[in-house]
Amino acid sequence: MHNISDTKNTLDRKAGISLITFTLLLVFTLALHPAGGSIQHLIHISGMIIITHSIAILALPFGWIGCWGLTRKIGMDHFGSILALSILTLGLVAALIAAAANGLVLPIFLQHYKDASPETQTAIGPILGYNFSVNHAFDYIYTGAFCLSIFCWSVAILRNRVLAGWIGWTGIALSVFTAAIFIAGTAVNSLHGFRIFAACIALWFLLMGIVLYGRKQ
């Protein structure tokens, strides 16, 4: 029984470390994420675009494994917790596609036009517009998925009482706040909206990571 308890504690701590790592990578991305601009400006900062979005992509597996640990802690037979993990998985896939489209596809594509004439660069505007539209669609998906998954986990925490109630109430408050500002028109596909959204998400996952890391069976 002692060994089982030690194993559970180890899994909780590793899940906590994964969530903390996920959060730190998100914050690093948030700090370095460049603003958009003209085609020439995007070509000029293409290296930074690739680096920041690659870091964001790297963060995603840490987020999933940490959330799996959270789900296991609440209970793999708890419907709300399993639902949250399923929604989160959908959100992570959407985030992966959005980061790849905006952070890898776009700068790689633009490199073919770095020496093109202004007329040629203007001509590819509709292609870039389509890429941004695809990226925005997945932005909306992962925004909703992250908010809803945090809300479901928070409700599950309050009902299950395996973890401290304050983390559940904090998750509900942050998810409702993020949803409210999104509905109010602060879109996540703008740099300002992305920073607000990422800060709220990062705060909850950081707190959850600390709770899991420090929790004893």
N, C-alpha and C. Protein backbone atom coordinates (compact mmCIF):
# COMPACT_ATOMS: atom_id res chain seq x y z
N MET A 1 0.83 -1.20 0.00
CA MET A 1 0.00 0.00 0.00
C MET A 1 0.87 1.25 0.00
N HIS A 2 1.99 1.14 0.73
CA HIS A 2 2.91 2.27 0.77
C HIS A 2 3.48 2.55 -0.62
N ASN A 3 3.80 1.49 -1.36
CA ASN A 3 4.35 1.66 -2.70
C ASN A 3 3.33 2.27 -3.65
N ILE A 4 2.07 1.85 -3.51
CA ILE A 4 1.00 2.42 -4.35
C ILE A 4 0.85 3.90 -4.07
N SER A 5 0.90 4.26 -2.78
CA SER A 5 0.78 5.67 -2.41
C SER A 5 1.94 6.48 -2.96
N ASP A 6 3.15 5.92 -2.87
CA ASP A 6 4.32 6.61 -3.39
C ASP A 6 4.22 6.80 -4.90
N THR A 7 3.69 5.77 -5.60
CA THR A 7 3.52 5.87 -7.05
C THR A 7 2.54 6.97 -7.41
N LYS A 8 1.43 7.04 -6.66
CA LYS A 8 0.44 8.09 -6.93
C LYS A 8 1.02 9.47 -6.69
N ASN A 9 1.80 9.61 -5.60
CA ASN A 9 2.43 10.89 -5.32
C ASN A 9 3.40 11.29 -6.43
N THR A 10 4.15 10.30 -6.94
CA THR A 10 5.10 10.56 -8.02
C THR A 10 4.39 11.01 -9.28
N LEU A 11 3.28 10.34 -9.62
CA LEU A 11 2.51 10.72 -10.81
C LEU A 11 1.93 12.12 -10.65
N ASP A 12 1.43 12.42 -9.47
CA ASP A 12 0.88 13.76 -9.22
C ASP A 12 1.96 14.82 -9.39
N ARG A 13 3.14 14.55 -8.84
CA ARG A 13 4.23 15.52 -8.93
C ARG A 13 4.69 15.72 -10.37
N LYS A 14 4.77 14.62 -11.13
CA LYS A 14 5.18 14.72 -12.53
C LYS A 14 4.13 15.45 -13.36
N ALA A 15 2.86 15.21 -13.05
CA ALA A 15 1.79 15.95 -13.73
C ALA A 15 1.88 17.43 -13.40
N GLY A 16 2.18 17.73 -12.14
CA GLY A 16 2.35 19.12 -11.73
C GLY A 16 3.51 19.78 -12.45
N ILE A 17 4.64 19.06 -12.56
CA ILE A 17 5.80 19.59 -13.27
C ILE A 17 5.46 19.84 -14.73
N SER A 18 4.69 18.93 -15.33
CA SER A 18 4.30 19.08 -16.73
C SER A 18 3.44 20.34 -16.93
N LEU A 19 2.51 20.57 -16.01
CA LEU A 19 1.66 21.76 -16.13
C LEU A 19 2.47 23.04 -15.90
N ILE A 20 3.40 23.00 -14.97
CA ILE A 20 4.25 24.16 -14.74
C ILE A 20 5.12 24.44 -15.97
N THR A 21 5.66 23.36 -16.56
CA THR A 21 6.46 23.52 -17.78
C THR A 21 5.61 24.09 -18.91
N PHE A 22 4.41 23.57 -19.06
CA PHE A 22 3.46 24.06 -20.05
C PHE A 22 3.22 25.55 -19.88
N THR A 23 3.03 25.96 -18.63
CA THR A 23 2.77 27.37 -18.33
C THR A 23 3.96 28.25 -18.65
N LEU A 24 5.15 27.81 -18.25
CA LEU A 24 6.35 28.61 -18.49
C LEU A 24 6.61 28.78 -19.99
N LEU A 25 6.37 27.73 -20.77
CA LEU A 25 6.55 27.83 -22.22
C LEU A 25 5.52 28.78 -22.83
N LEU A 26 4.28 28.73 -22.30
CA LEU A 26 3.26 29.67 -22.77
C LEU A 26 3.65 31.11 -22.47
N VAL A 27 4.14 31.34 -21.26
CA VAL A 27 4.54 32.69 -20.87
C VAL A 27 5.71 33.17 -21.74
N PHE A 28 6.65 32.27 -22.02
CA PHE A 28 7.78 32.62 -22.88
C PHE A 28 7.29 33.00 -24.27
N THR A 29 6.34 32.22 -24.79
CA THR A 29 5.74 32.54 -26.08
C THR A 29 5.02 33.88 -26.03
N LEU A 30 4.30 34.10 -24.94
CA LEU A 30 3.55 35.35 -24.77
C LEU A 30 4.48 36.56 -24.77
N ALA A 31 5.64 36.41 -24.13
CA ALA A 31 6.58 37.52 -24.02
C ALA A 31 7.25 37.85 -25.35
N LEU A 32 7.51 36.83 -26.17
CA LEU A 32 8.26 37.03 -27.41
C LEU A 32 7.38 37.14 -28.64
N HIS A 33 6.09 36.84 -28.50
CA HIS A 33 5.22 36.81 -29.67
C HIS A 33 5.21 38.17 -30.38
N PRO A 34 5.62 38.20 -31.67
CA PRO A 34 5.68 39.49 -32.38
C PRO A 34 4.31 39.93 -32.88
N ALA A 35 4.18 41.24 -33.09
CA ALA A 35 2.95 41.78 -33.66
C ALA A 35 3.00 41.64 -35.18
N GLY A 36 1.83 41.62 -35.81
CA GLY A 36 1.75 41.51 -37.26
C GLY A 36 2.08 42.83 -37.94
N GLY A 37 1.89 42.85 -39.24
CA GLY A 37 2.18 44.06 -40.00
C GLY A 37 2.14 43.78 -41.48
N SER A 38 2.87 44.57 -42.23
CA SER A 38 2.92 44.41 -43.68
C SER A 38 3.64 43.12 -44.06
N ILE A 39 3.55 42.77 -45.34
CA ILE A 39 4.23 41.57 -45.81
C ILE A 39 5.74 41.69 -45.61
N GLN A 40 6.30 42.85 -45.91
CA GLN A 40 7.74 43.06 -45.71
C GLN A 40 8.12 42.90 -44.24
N HIS A 41 7.27 43.42 -43.35
CA HIS A 41 7.54 43.29 -41.91
C HIS A 41 7.48 41.81 -41.49
N LEU A 42 6.49 41.08 -41.98
CA LEU A 42 6.37 39.67 -41.65
C LEU A 42 7.56 38.87 -42.16
N ILE A 43 8.03 39.21 -43.34
CA ILE A 43 9.22 38.53 -43.88
C ILE A 43 10.44 38.84 -43.01
N HIS A 44 10.54 40.08 -42.56
CA HIS A 44 11.68 40.50 -41.75
C HIS A 44 11.72 39.78 -40.39
N ILE A 45 10.57 39.53 -39.81
CA ILE A 45 10.53 38.90 -38.48
C ILE A 45 10.17 37.42 -38.57
N SER A 46 10.32 36.83 -39.74
CA SER A 46 9.90 35.43 -39.92
C SER A 46 10.64 34.49 -38.97
N GLY A 47 11.91 34.77 -38.69
CA GLY A 47 12.66 33.92 -37.76
C GLY A 47 12.04 33.91 -36.37
N MET A 48 11.69 35.09 -35.87
CA MET A 48 11.06 35.19 -34.56
C MET A 48 9.68 34.53 -34.55
N ILE A 49 8.95 34.67 -35.65
CA ILE A 49 7.64 34.02 -35.76
C ILE A 49 7.78 32.50 -35.62
N ILE A 50 8.75 31.94 -36.32
CA ILE A 50 8.96 30.49 -36.27
C ILE A 50 9.38 30.05 -34.87
N ILE A 51 10.27 30.80 -34.25
CA ILE A 51 10.75 30.43 -32.91
C ILE A 51 9.63 30.44 -31.89
N THR A 52 8.87 31.53 -31.84
CA THR A 52 7.81 31.64 -30.83
C THR A 52 6.74 30.58 -31.01
N HIS A 53 6.34 30.34 -32.25
CA HIS A 53 5.29 29.35 -32.48
C HIS A 53 5.80 27.92 -32.29
N SER A 54 7.08 27.70 -32.53
CA SER A 54 7.66 26.38 -32.26
C SER A 54 7.67 26.09 -30.77
N ILE A 55 7.95 27.11 -29.97
CA ILE A 55 7.90 26.96 -28.51
C ILE A 55 6.48 26.65 -28.06
N ALA A 56 5.51 27.34 -28.67
CA ALA A 56 4.11 27.07 -28.33
C ALA A 56 3.73 25.63 -28.67
N ILE A 57 4.18 25.15 -29.82
CA ILE A 57 3.89 23.76 -30.21
C ILE A 57 4.56 22.79 -29.24
N LEU A 58 5.80 23.10 -28.84
CA LEU A 58 6.51 22.26 -27.87
C LEU A 58 5.76 22.16 -26.56
N ALA A 59 5.06 23.23 -26.17
CA ALA A 59 4.35 23.25 -24.89
C ALA A 59 3.16 22.29 -24.86
N LEU A 60 2.57 22.01 -26.01
CA LEU A 60 1.29 21.28 -26.05
C LEU A 60 1.35 19.89 -25.44
N PRO A 61 2.37 19.06 -25.73
CA PRO A 61 2.41 17.73 -25.09
C PRO A 61 2.50 17.81 -23.57
N PHE A 62 3.25 18.80 -23.06
CA PHE A 62 3.33 18.97 -21.61
C PHE A 62 1.96 19.32 -21.03
N GLY A 63 1.21 20.14 -21.77
CA GLY A 63 -0.13 20.48 -21.32
C GLY A 63 -1.03 19.27 -21.26
N TRP A 64 -0.96 18.42 -22.28
CA TRP A 64 -1.86 17.26 -22.31
C TRP A 64 -1.53 16.27 -21.20
N ILE A 65 -0.27 15.93 -21.03
CA ILE A 65 0.09 14.94 -20.01
C ILE A 65 -0.19 15.47 -18.61
N GLY A 66 0.00 16.78 -18.42
CA GLY A 66 -0.34 17.36 -17.12
C GLY A 66 -1.83 17.31 -16.86
N CYS A 67 -2.64 17.56 -17.89
CA CYS A 67 -4.09 17.51 -17.74
C CYS A 67 -4.59 16.08 -17.58
N TRP A 68 -3.89 15.14 -18.19
CA TRP A 68 -4.22 13.73 -17.95
C TRP A 68 -4.00 13.40 -16.48
N GLY A 69 -2.89 13.90 -15.90
CA GLY A 69 -2.63 13.67 -14.48
C GLY A 69 -3.70 14.30 -13.61
N LEU A 70 -4.16 15.48 -13.99
CA LEU A 70 -5.25 16.14 -13.25
C LEU A 70 -6.53 15.31 -13.32
N THR A 71 -6.84 14.80 -14.51
CA THR A 71 -8.03 13.96 -14.70
C THR A 71 -7.95 12.70 -13.86
N ARG A 72 -6.76 12.09 -13.85
CA ARG A 72 -6.56 10.88 -13.04
C ARG A 72 -6.72 11.16 -11.55
N LYS A 73 -6.25 12.33 -11.12
CA LYS A 73 -6.38 12.70 -9.71
C LYS A 73 -7.84 12.89 -9.32
N ILE A 74 -8.61 13.55 -10.16
CA ILE A 74 -10.03 13.75 -9.86
C ILE A 74 -10.78 12.42 -9.92
N GLY A 75 -10.40 11.58 -10.86
CA GLY A 75 -11.04 10.26 -10.98
C GLY A 75 -11.36 9.93 -12.43
N MET A 76 -10.80 8.83 -12.91
CA MET A 76 -11.02 8.44 -14.30
C MET A 76 -12.46 7.97 -14.53
N ASP A 77 -13.22 7.77 -13.46
CA ASP A 77 -14.63 7.40 -13.59
C ASP A 77 -15.55 8.61 -13.41
N HIS A 78 -14.96 9.79 -13.32
CA HIS A 78 -15.75 11.01 -13.15
C HIS A 78 -16.04 11.58 -14.54
N PHE A 79 -17.31 11.64 -14.93
CA PHE A 79 -17.68 12.04 -16.29
C PHE A 79 -17.22 13.46 -16.61
N GLY A 80 -17.40 14.38 -15.66
CA GLY A 80 -17.02 15.77 -15.91
C GLY A 80 -15.54 15.93 -16.17
N SER A 81 -14.72 15.16 -15.45
CA SER A 81 -13.28 15.23 -15.63
C SER A 81 -12.85 14.65 -16.97
N ILE A 82 -13.44 13.51 -17.35
CA ILE A 82 -13.14 12.89 -18.65
C ILE A 82 -13.60 13.81 -19.78
N LEU A 83 -14.77 14.44 -19.61
CA LEU A 83 -15.27 15.37 -20.61
C LEU A 83 -14.30 16.54 -20.77
N ALA A 84 -13.80 17.04 -19.66
CA ALA A 84 -12.84 18.16 -19.71
C ALA A 84 -11.59 17.77 -20.48
N LEU A 85 -11.07 16.56 -20.22
CA LEU A 85 -9.87 16.11 -20.93
C LEU A 85 -10.14 15.96 -22.42
N SER A 86 -11.31 15.47 -22.78
CA SER A 86 -11.67 15.31 -24.19
C SER A 86 -11.75 16.67 -24.88
N ILE A 87 -12.37 17.64 -24.22
CA ILE A 87 -12.48 18.99 -24.78
C ILE A 87 -11.10 19.64 -24.89
N LEU A 88 -10.28 19.44 -23.85
CA LEU A 88 -8.94 19.99 -23.85
C LEU A 88 -8.11 19.41 -25.00
N THR A 89 -8.27 18.11 -25.25
CA THR A 89 -7.55 17.47 -26.36
C THR A 89 -7.93 18.11 -27.68
N LEU A 90 -9.23 18.35 -27.87
CA LEU A 90 -9.69 19.05 -29.07
C LEU A 90 -9.06 20.43 -29.16
N GLY A 91 -9.00 21.14 -28.05
CA GLY A 91 -8.41 22.47 -28.04
C GLY A 91 -6.93 22.46 -28.35
N LEU A 92 -6.20 21.46 -27.85
CA LEU A 92 -4.77 21.36 -28.12
C LEU A 92 -4.50 21.07 -29.60
N VAL A 93 -5.34 20.23 -30.20
CA VAL A 93 -5.19 19.96 -31.63
C VAL A 93 -5.44 21.23 -32.44
N ALA A 94 -6.48 21.98 -32.06
CA ALA A 94 -6.78 23.25 -32.73
C ALA A 94 -5.64 24.24 -32.55
N ALA A 95 -5.07 24.29 -31.34
CA ALA A 95 -3.94 25.18 -31.08
C ALA A 95 -2.73 24.79 -31.92
N LEU A 96 -2.51 23.48 -32.07
CA LEU A 96 -1.41 22.99 -32.90
C LEU A 96 -1.57 23.46 -34.35
N ILE A 97 -2.78 23.31 -34.88
CA ILE A 97 -3.03 23.71 -36.27
C ILE A 97 -2.88 25.22 -36.43
N ALA A 98 -3.41 25.98 -35.46
CA ALA A 98 -3.31 27.44 -35.54
C ALA A 98 -1.85 27.89 -35.47
N ALA A 99 -1.08 27.29 -34.56
CA ALA A 99 0.33 27.67 -34.43
C ALA A 99 1.12 27.29 -35.67
N ALA A 100 0.80 26.13 -36.25
CA ALA A 100 1.51 25.69 -37.46
C ALA A 100 1.16 26.58 -38.65
N ALA A 101 -0.13 26.94 -38.77
CA ALA A 101 -0.56 27.76 -39.91
C ALA A 101 0.03 29.16 -39.85
N ASN A 102 0.02 29.75 -38.65
CA ASN A 102 0.46 31.14 -38.51
C ASN A 102 1.96 31.25 -38.26
N GLY A 103 2.54 30.22 -37.64
CA GLY A 103 3.93 30.31 -37.22
C GLY A 103 4.92 29.54 -38.06
N LEU A 104 4.44 28.60 -38.88
CA LEU A 104 5.34 27.83 -39.73
C LEU A 104 4.99 27.97 -41.20
N VAL A 105 3.71 27.70 -41.54
CA VAL A 105 3.29 27.79 -42.94
C VAL A 105 3.50 29.20 -43.49
N LEU A 106 3.04 30.20 -42.74
CA LEU A 106 3.11 31.58 -43.21
C LEU A 106 4.54 32.05 -43.47
N PRO A 107 5.46 31.96 -42.49
CA PRO A 107 6.82 32.46 -42.78
C PRO A 107 7.55 31.65 -43.84
N ILE A 108 7.31 30.33 -43.90
CA ILE A 108 7.94 29.52 -44.94
C ILE A 108 7.43 29.95 -46.31
N PHE A 109 6.13 30.19 -46.41
CA PHE A 109 5.54 30.63 -47.68
C PHE A 109 6.10 32.00 -48.09
N LEU A 110 6.22 32.91 -47.12
CA LEU A 110 6.65 34.27 -47.44
C LEU A 110 8.11 34.33 -47.87
N GLN A 111 8.92 33.36 -47.45
CA GLN A 111 10.32 33.36 -47.84
C GLN A 111 10.49 33.29 -49.36
N HIS A 112 9.51 32.71 -50.04
CA HIS A 112 9.58 32.63 -51.51
C HIS A 112 9.37 34.00 -52.17
N TYR A 113 8.91 34.98 -51.39
CA TYR A 113 8.58 36.29 -51.95
C TYR A 113 9.39 37.41 -51.32
N LYS A 114 10.47 37.06 -50.62
CA LYS A 114 11.23 38.12 -49.95
C LYS A 114 11.92 39.05 -50.93
N ASP A 115 12.21 38.58 -52.12
CA ASP A 115 12.84 39.44 -53.13
C ASP A 115 11.88 39.82 -54.25
N ALA A 116 10.59 39.56 -54.04
CA ALA A 116 9.60 39.85 -55.08
C ALA A 116 9.30 41.35 -55.13
N SER A 117 8.76 41.78 -56.25
CA SER A 117 8.40 43.18 -56.41
C SER A 117 7.20 43.53 -55.54
N PRO A 118 7.00 44.79 -55.22
CA PRO A 118 5.83 45.20 -54.42
C PRO A 118 4.52 44.75 -55.06
N GLU A 119 4.44 44.77 -56.38
CA GLU A 119 3.22 44.34 -57.07
C GLU A 119 2.95 42.87 -56.83
N THR A 120 4.00 42.05 -56.88
CA THR A 120 3.85 40.61 -56.64
C THR A 120 3.43 40.35 -55.20
N GLN A 121 4.04 41.06 -54.28
CA GLN A 121 3.69 40.89 -52.87
C GLN A 121 2.24 41.29 -52.62
N THR A 122 1.81 42.33 -53.30
CA THR A 122 0.41 42.74 -53.17
C THR A 122 -0.52 41.67 -53.73
N ALA A 123 -0.09 41.01 -54.79
CA ALA A 123 -0.92 40.01 -55.45
C ALA A 123 -1.18 38.79 -54.58
N ILE A 124 -0.26 38.50 -53.65
CA ILE A 124 -0.46 37.32 -52.79
C ILE A 124 -1.28 37.66 -51.56
N GLY A 125 -1.74 38.90 -51.48
CA GLY A 125 -2.57 39.31 -50.34
C GLY A 125 -3.76 38.41 -50.07
N PRO A 126 -4.54 38.03 -51.09
CA PRO A 126 -5.69 37.15 -50.84
C PRO A 126 -5.30 35.78 -50.28
N ILE A 127 -4.13 35.27 -50.70
CA ILE A 127 -3.66 33.99 -50.16
C ILE A 127 -3.36 34.12 -48.67
N LEU A 128 -2.71 35.21 -48.32
CA LEU A 128 -2.42 35.45 -46.90
C LEU A 128 -3.71 35.65 -46.11
N GLY A 129 -4.67 36.32 -46.74
CA GLY A 129 -5.95 36.52 -46.08
C GLY A 129 -6.65 35.21 -45.79
N TYR A 130 -6.55 34.28 -46.71
CA TYR A 130 -7.16 32.96 -46.49
C TYR A 130 -6.44 32.22 -45.37
N ASN A 131 -5.11 32.31 -45.34
CA ASN A 131 -4.34 31.67 -44.27
C ASN A 131 -4.73 32.23 -42.91
N PHE A 132 -4.88 33.55 -42.84
CA PHE A 132 -5.27 34.17 -41.57
C PHE A 132 -6.69 33.74 -41.16
N SER A 133 -7.57 33.57 -42.13
CA SER A 133 -8.94 33.15 -41.83
C SER A 133 -8.95 31.73 -41.26
N VAL A 134 -8.16 30.85 -41.85
CA VAL A 134 -8.04 29.48 -41.32
C VAL A 134 -7.48 29.51 -39.91
N ASN A 135 -6.46 30.31 -39.70
CA ASN A 135 -5.85 30.43 -38.38
C ASN A 135 -6.85 30.96 -37.36
N HIS A 136 -7.63 31.97 -37.75
CA HIS A 136 -8.62 32.55 -36.84
C HIS A 136 -9.69 31.54 -36.46
N ALA A 137 -10.09 30.70 -37.41
CA ALA A 137 -11.11 29.69 -37.12
C ALA A 137 -10.63 28.75 -36.02
N PHE A 138 -9.39 28.33 -36.10
CA PHE A 138 -8.86 27.43 -35.07
C PHE A 138 -8.58 28.18 -33.77
N ASP A 139 -8.30 29.49 -33.87
CA ASP A 139 -8.20 30.31 -32.65
C ASP A 139 -9.50 30.25 -31.86
N TYR A 140 -10.61 30.40 -32.57
CA TYR A 140 -11.92 30.37 -31.91
C TYR A 140 -12.17 29.01 -31.27
N ILE A 141 -11.77 27.94 -31.96
CA ILE A 141 -12.00 26.59 -31.44
C ILE A 141 -11.22 26.37 -30.15
N TYR A 142 -9.92 26.70 -30.16
CA TYR A 142 -9.15 26.41 -28.95
C TYR A 142 -9.50 27.37 -27.81
N THR A 143 -9.92 28.59 -28.15
CA THR A 143 -10.37 29.50 -27.09
C THR A 143 -11.56 28.91 -26.34
N GLY A 144 -12.57 28.49 -27.08
CA GLY A 144 -13.75 27.89 -26.47
C GLY A 144 -13.44 26.59 -25.75
N ALA A 145 -12.57 25.77 -26.35
CA ALA A 145 -12.24 24.47 -25.76
C ALA A 145 -11.48 24.63 -24.45
N PHE A 146 -10.52 25.54 -24.40
CA PHE A 146 -9.76 25.74 -23.17
C PHE A 146 -10.67 26.27 -22.06
N CYS A 147 -11.49 27.25 -22.39
CA CYS A 147 -12.39 27.81 -21.37
C CYS A 147 -13.36 26.76 -20.84
N LEU A 148 -13.95 26.00 -21.75
CA LEU A 148 -14.94 25.00 -21.34
C LEU A 148 -14.30 23.86 -20.56
N SER A 149 -13.10 23.44 -20.95
CA SER A 149 -12.45 22.35 -20.23
C SER A 149 -12.08 22.78 -18.81
N ILE A 150 -11.56 23.99 -18.66
CA ILE A 150 -11.23 24.49 -17.32
C ILE A 150 -12.49 24.59 -16.47
N PHE A 151 -13.58 25.05 -17.09
CA PHE A 151 -14.85 25.14 -16.36
C PHE A 151 -15.30 23.75 -15.88
N CYS A 152 -15.21 22.74 -16.76
CA CYS A 152 -15.63 21.38 -16.40
C CYS A 152 -14.75 20.81 -15.30
N TRP A 153 -13.43 20.99 -15.41
CA TRP A 153 -12.55 20.52 -14.35
C TRP A 153 -12.85 21.20 -13.02
N SER A 154 -13.11 22.49 -13.08
CA SER A 154 -13.36 23.25 -11.86
C SER A 154 -14.63 22.77 -11.16
N VAL A 155 -15.68 22.53 -11.95
CA VAL A 155 -16.92 21.99 -11.37
C VAL A 155 -16.67 20.60 -10.79
N ALA A 156 -15.89 19.79 -11.51
CA ALA A 156 -15.58 18.44 -11.02
C ALA A 156 -14.79 18.50 -9.72
N ILE A 157 -13.87 19.45 -9.62
CA ILE A 157 -13.09 19.61 -8.39
C ILE A 157 -14.00 19.98 -7.22
N LEU A 158 -14.93 20.88 -7.45
CA LEU A 158 -15.84 21.29 -6.39
C LEU A 158 -16.77 20.16 -5.96
N ARG A 159 -17.16 19.31 -6.90
CA ARG A 159 -18.06 18.20 -6.58
C ARG A 159 -17.30 17.02 -5.97
N ASN A 160 -16.09 16.76 -6.48
CA ASN A 160 -15.33 15.60 -6.04
C ASN A 160 -14.61 15.85 -4.73
N ARG A 161 -14.14 17.08 -4.53
CA ARG A 161 -13.46 17.52 -3.31
C ARG A 161 -12.14 16.79 -3.06
N VAL A 162 -11.52 16.29 -4.13
CA VAL A 162 -10.20 15.68 -3.98
C VAL A 162 -9.14 16.77 -3.84
N LEU A 163 -9.36 17.89 -4.53
CA LEU A 163 -8.45 19.03 -4.47
C LEU A 163 -9.14 20.19 -3.76
N ALA A 164 -8.36 21.19 -3.41
CA ALA A 164 -8.88 22.35 -2.66
C ALA A 164 -9.96 23.08 -3.45
N GLY A 165 -10.99 23.50 -2.77
CA GLY A 165 -12.10 24.16 -3.43
C GLY A 165 -11.74 25.47 -4.09
N TRP A 166 -10.74 26.18 -3.56
CA TRP A 166 -10.40 27.48 -4.12
C TRP A 166 -9.90 27.38 -5.55
N ILE A 167 -9.24 26.26 -5.89
CA ILE A 167 -8.74 26.11 -7.25
C ILE A 167 -9.91 25.92 -8.23
N GLY A 168 -10.99 25.29 -7.73
CA GLY A 168 -12.18 25.14 -8.55
C GLY A 168 -12.87 26.47 -8.79
N TRP A 169 -13.03 27.25 -7.74
CA TRP A 169 -13.67 28.56 -7.89
C TRP A 169 -12.82 29.50 -8.75
N THR A 170 -11.50 29.40 -8.62
CA THR A 170 -10.62 30.21 -9.46
C THR A 170 -10.78 29.85 -10.93
N GLY A 171 -10.86 28.56 -11.22
CA GLY A 171 -11.04 28.11 -12.60
C GLY A 171 -12.36 28.58 -13.19
N ILE A 172 -13.41 28.52 -12.40
CA ILE A 172 -14.72 28.99 -12.88
C ILE A 172 -14.66 30.49 -13.17
N ALA A 173 -14.06 31.24 -12.26
CA ALA A 173 -13.97 32.70 -12.44
C ALA A 173 -13.15 33.05 -13.69
N LEU A 174 -12.02 32.39 -13.89
CA LEU A 174 -11.17 32.69 -15.03
C LEU A 174 -11.81 32.28 -16.35
N SER A 175 -12.46 31.12 -16.36
CA SER A 175 -13.10 30.66 -17.60
C SER A 175 -14.27 31.56 -17.97
N VAL A 176 -15.06 31.97 -16.99
CA VAL A 176 -16.18 32.88 -17.26
C VAL A 176 -15.67 34.24 -17.71
N PHE A 177 -14.62 34.74 -17.07
CA PHE A 177 -14.04 36.04 -17.45
C PHE A 177 -13.51 36.00 -18.87
N THR A 178 -12.79 34.94 -19.22
CA THR A 178 -12.23 34.83 -20.57
C THR A 178 -13.33 34.73 -21.61
N ALA A 179 -14.36 33.94 -21.31
CA ALA A 179 -15.49 33.83 -22.23
C ALA A 179 -16.20 35.17 -22.39
N ALA A 180 -16.31 35.91 -21.29
CA ALA A 180 -17.01 37.20 -21.33
C ALA A 180 -16.28 38.21 -22.19
N ILE A 181 -14.95 38.30 -22.04
CA ILE A 181 -14.22 39.29 -22.84
C ILE A 181 -14.18 38.88 -24.31
N PHE A 182 -14.24 37.57 -24.55
CA PHE A 182 -14.29 37.10 -25.94
C PHE A 182 -15.62 37.48 -26.58
N ILE A 183 -16.71 37.24 -25.85
CA ILE A 183 -18.04 37.60 -26.35
C ILE A 183 -18.16 39.11 -26.52
N ALA A 184 -17.49 39.86 -25.63
CA ALA A 184 -17.55 41.32 -25.70
C ALA A 184 -16.81 41.90 -26.90
N GLY A 185 -16.03 41.05 -27.58
CA GLY A 185 -15.37 41.52 -28.79
C GLY A 185 -13.86 41.57 -28.75
N THR A 186 -13.26 41.15 -27.62
CA THR A 186 -11.80 41.10 -27.55
C THR A 186 -11.35 39.77 -28.14
N ALA A 187 -11.09 39.75 -29.42
CA ALA A 187 -10.80 38.50 -30.13
C ALA A 187 -9.42 37.98 -29.77
N VAL A 188 -9.34 36.66 -29.65
CA VAL A 188 -8.07 36.05 -29.30
C VAL A 188 -7.08 36.12 -30.46
N ASN A 189 -7.58 36.34 -31.70
CA ASN A 189 -6.66 36.39 -32.83
C ASN A 189 -5.94 37.74 -32.95
N SER A 190 -6.27 38.70 -32.08
CA SER A 190 -5.46 39.92 -31.98
C SER A 190 -4.40 39.70 -30.91
N LEU A 191 -3.28 40.41 -31.01
CA LEU A 191 -2.21 40.21 -30.04
C LEU A 191 -2.66 40.57 -28.64
N HIS A 192 -3.45 41.63 -28.50
CA HIS A 192 -3.96 42.03 -27.18
C HIS A 192 -4.88 40.95 -26.61
N GLY A 193 -5.80 40.45 -27.44
CA GLY A 193 -6.70 39.41 -26.98
C GLY A 193 -5.97 38.14 -26.64
N PHE A 194 -4.98 37.78 -27.45
CA PHE A 194 -4.19 36.57 -27.20
C PHE A 194 -3.46 36.66 -25.86
N ARG A 195 -2.92 37.83 -25.55
CA ARG A 195 -2.19 37.99 -24.30
C ARG A 195 -3.12 37.86 -23.09
N ILE A 196 -4.31 38.41 -23.18
CA ILE A 196 -5.27 38.27 -22.08
C ILE A 196 -5.67 36.81 -21.91
N PHE A 197 -6.01 36.18 -23.02
CA PHE A 197 -6.42 34.77 -22.98
C PHE A 197 -5.30 33.90 -22.43
N ALA A 198 -4.09 34.04 -22.96
CA ALA A 198 -2.97 33.21 -22.54
C ALA A 198 -2.63 33.43 -21.07
N ALA A 199 -2.75 34.68 -20.60
CA ALA A 199 -2.45 34.97 -19.20
C ALA A 199 -3.45 34.27 -18.27
N CYS A 200 -4.73 34.28 -18.63
CA CYS A 200 -5.75 33.60 -17.81
C CYS A 200 -5.53 32.09 -17.80
N ILE A 201 -5.28 31.53 -18.96
CA ILE A 201 -5.05 30.09 -19.06
C ILE A 201 -3.79 29.71 -18.28
N ALA A 202 -2.72 30.47 -18.48
CA ALA A 202 -1.45 30.17 -17.83
C ALA A 202 -1.58 30.25 -16.31
N LEU A 203 -2.32 31.23 -15.80
CA LEU A 203 -2.48 31.38 -14.36
C LEU A 203 -3.13 30.15 -13.75
N TRP A 204 -4.22 29.66 -14.36
CA TRP A 204 -4.91 28.52 -13.78
C TRP A 204 -4.06 27.25 -13.84
N PHE A 205 -3.42 27.01 -14.98
CA PHE A 205 -2.60 25.81 -15.11
C PHE A 205 -1.37 25.87 -14.20
N LEU A 206 -0.82 27.07 -14.00
CA LEU A 206 0.30 27.21 -13.08
C LEU A 206 -0.13 26.88 -11.66
N LEU A 207 -1.28 27.42 -11.23
CA LEU A 207 -1.79 27.12 -9.90
C LEU A 207 -2.08 25.63 -9.74
N MET A 208 -2.68 25.03 -10.78
CA MET A 208 -2.98 23.61 -10.72
C MET A 208 -1.71 22.78 -10.66
N GLY A 209 -0.70 23.20 -11.43
CA GLY A 209 0.57 22.48 -11.41
C GLY A 209 1.21 22.53 -10.04
N ILE A 210 1.17 23.69 -9.39
CA ILE A 210 1.73 23.83 -8.05
C ILE A 210 0.97 22.97 -7.06
N VAL A 211 -0.37 22.95 -7.18
CA VAL A 211 -1.20 22.15 -6.28
C VAL A 211 -0.87 20.66 -6.44
N LEU A 212 -0.80 20.18 -7.67
CA LEU A 212 -0.50 18.77 -7.90
C LEU A 212 0.92 18.42 -7.45
N TYR A 213 1.86 19.30 -7.70
CA TYR A 213 3.24 19.04 -7.32
C TYR A 213 3.39 18.92 -5.81
N GLY A 214 2.68 19.75 -5.09
CA GLY A 214 2.84 19.77 -3.64
C GLY A 214 1.88 18.89 -2.87
N ARG A 215 0.95 18.20 -3.60
CA ARG A 215 -0.06 17.41 -2.92
C ARG A 215 0.48 16.07 -2.46
N LYS A 216 0.10 15.67 -1.25
CA LYS A 216 0.45 14.37 -0.71
C LYS A 216 -0.79 13.48 -0.71
N GLN A 217 -0.56 12.18 -0.98
CA GLN A 217 -1.68 11.22 -1.01
C GLN A 217 -2.30 11.05 0.36
